[in-house]
């Protein structure tokens, strides 16, 4: 977990929804209501989630495993 930091512009990797290994570039980080961080990530490779292709996702600070 990276946690409590703005990662704008950095390349990160992690697990989306606990099921999808992802990597990409953080476009914006924000403080969530009540605390914690959320990161909007443009993916290096799109993923299929619930029948829809996603090329960007929101990752919680707990889902980010590291910075590339």
Protein backbone atom coordinates (compact mmCIF):
# COMPACT_ATOMS: atom_id res chain seq x y z
CA UNK A 1 0.00 0.00 0.00
CA UNK A 2 1.33 3.42 -0.95
CA UNK A 3 -1.29 5.48 0.90
CA UNK A 4 -1.63 9.11 1.89
CA UNK A 5 0.16 10.57 -1.12
CA UNK A 6 -0.60 12.27 -4.39
CA UNK A 7 0.64 10.13 -7.28
CA UNK A 8 -0.27 12.43 -10.20
CA UNK A 9 1.75 11.53 -13.31
CA UNK A 10 3.32 8.40 -11.80
CA UNK A 11 3.09 4.89 -13.24
CA UNK A 12 1.61 2.44 -10.75
CA UNK A 13 0.55 -1.19 -10.54
CA UNK A 14 -2.05 -2.87 -8.40
CA UNK A 15 -5.15 -5.05 -8.16
CA UNK A 16 -8.47 -3.61 -9.35
CA UNK A 17 -11.42 -5.01 -7.34
CA UNK A 18 -9.04 -7.67 -6.05
CA UNK A 19 -9.30 -9.61 -9.34
CA UNK A 20 -7.56 -7.66 -12.11
CA UNK A 21 -3.82 -7.01 -12.17
CA UNK A 22 -3.42 -3.54 -13.71
CA UNK A 23 -0.77 -0.93 -14.44
CA UNK A 24 -1.02 2.58 -15.78
CA UNK A 25 -0.50 6.30 -15.25
CA UNK A 26 -2.23 8.24 -12.48
CA UNK A 27 -4.06 11.21 -14.01
CA UNK A 28 -5.35 12.69 -10.76
CA UNK A 29 -5.25 11.80 -7.07
CA UNK A 30 -7.82 13.07 -4.62
CA UNK A 31 -8.67 12.88 -0.97
CA UNK A 32 -11.91 10.95 -0.48
CA UNK A 33 -14.68 12.19 1.77
CA UNK A 34 -13.86 10.86 5.23
CA UNK A 35 -10.17 10.39 4.44
CA UNK A 36 -8.07 8.10 2.29
CA UNK A 37 -6.94 8.59 -1.28
CA UNK A 38 -8.43 7.67 -4.64
CA UNK A 39 -6.48 7.67 -7.92
CA UNK A 40 -7.82 7.93 -11.50
CA UNK A 41 -5.56 5.66 -13.58
CA UNK A 42 -5.31 5.46 -17.38
CA UNK A 43 -4.40 1.82 -18.02
CA UNK A 44 -1.45 0.61 -20.11
CA UNK A 45 -3.69 -2.21 -21.41
CA UNK A 46 -7.52 -2.08 -21.33
CA UNK A 47 -9.34 -4.71 -19.24
CA UNK A 48 -12.77 -6.32 -19.59
CA UNK A 49 -14.90 -5.87 -16.46
CA UNK A 50 -18.52 -7.09 -16.32
CA UNK A 51 -18.66 -7.26 -20.12
CA UNK A 52 -17.36 -3.72 -20.70
CA UNK A 53 -13.87 -2.65 -21.80
CA UNK A 54 -12.22 -0.23 -19.37
CA UNK A 55 -9.27 1.90 -20.39
CA UNK A 56 -9.28 3.93 -17.17
CA UNK A 57 -10.31 3.11 -13.62
CA UNK A 58 -10.39 4.51 -10.09
CA UNK A 59 -8.02 2.77 -7.69
CA UNK A 60 -8.26 3.14 -3.94
CA UNK A 61 -5.00 3.70 -2.11
CA UNK A 62 -5.27 0.14 -0.73
CA UNK A 63 -5.43 -1.34 -4.25
CA UNK A 64 -2.13 0.23 -5.40
CA UNK A 65 0.75 -2.14 -4.72
CA UNK A 66 3.66 -0.04 -6.01
CA UNK A 67 5.10 2.62 -8.29
CA UNK A 68 6.91 1.65 -11.49
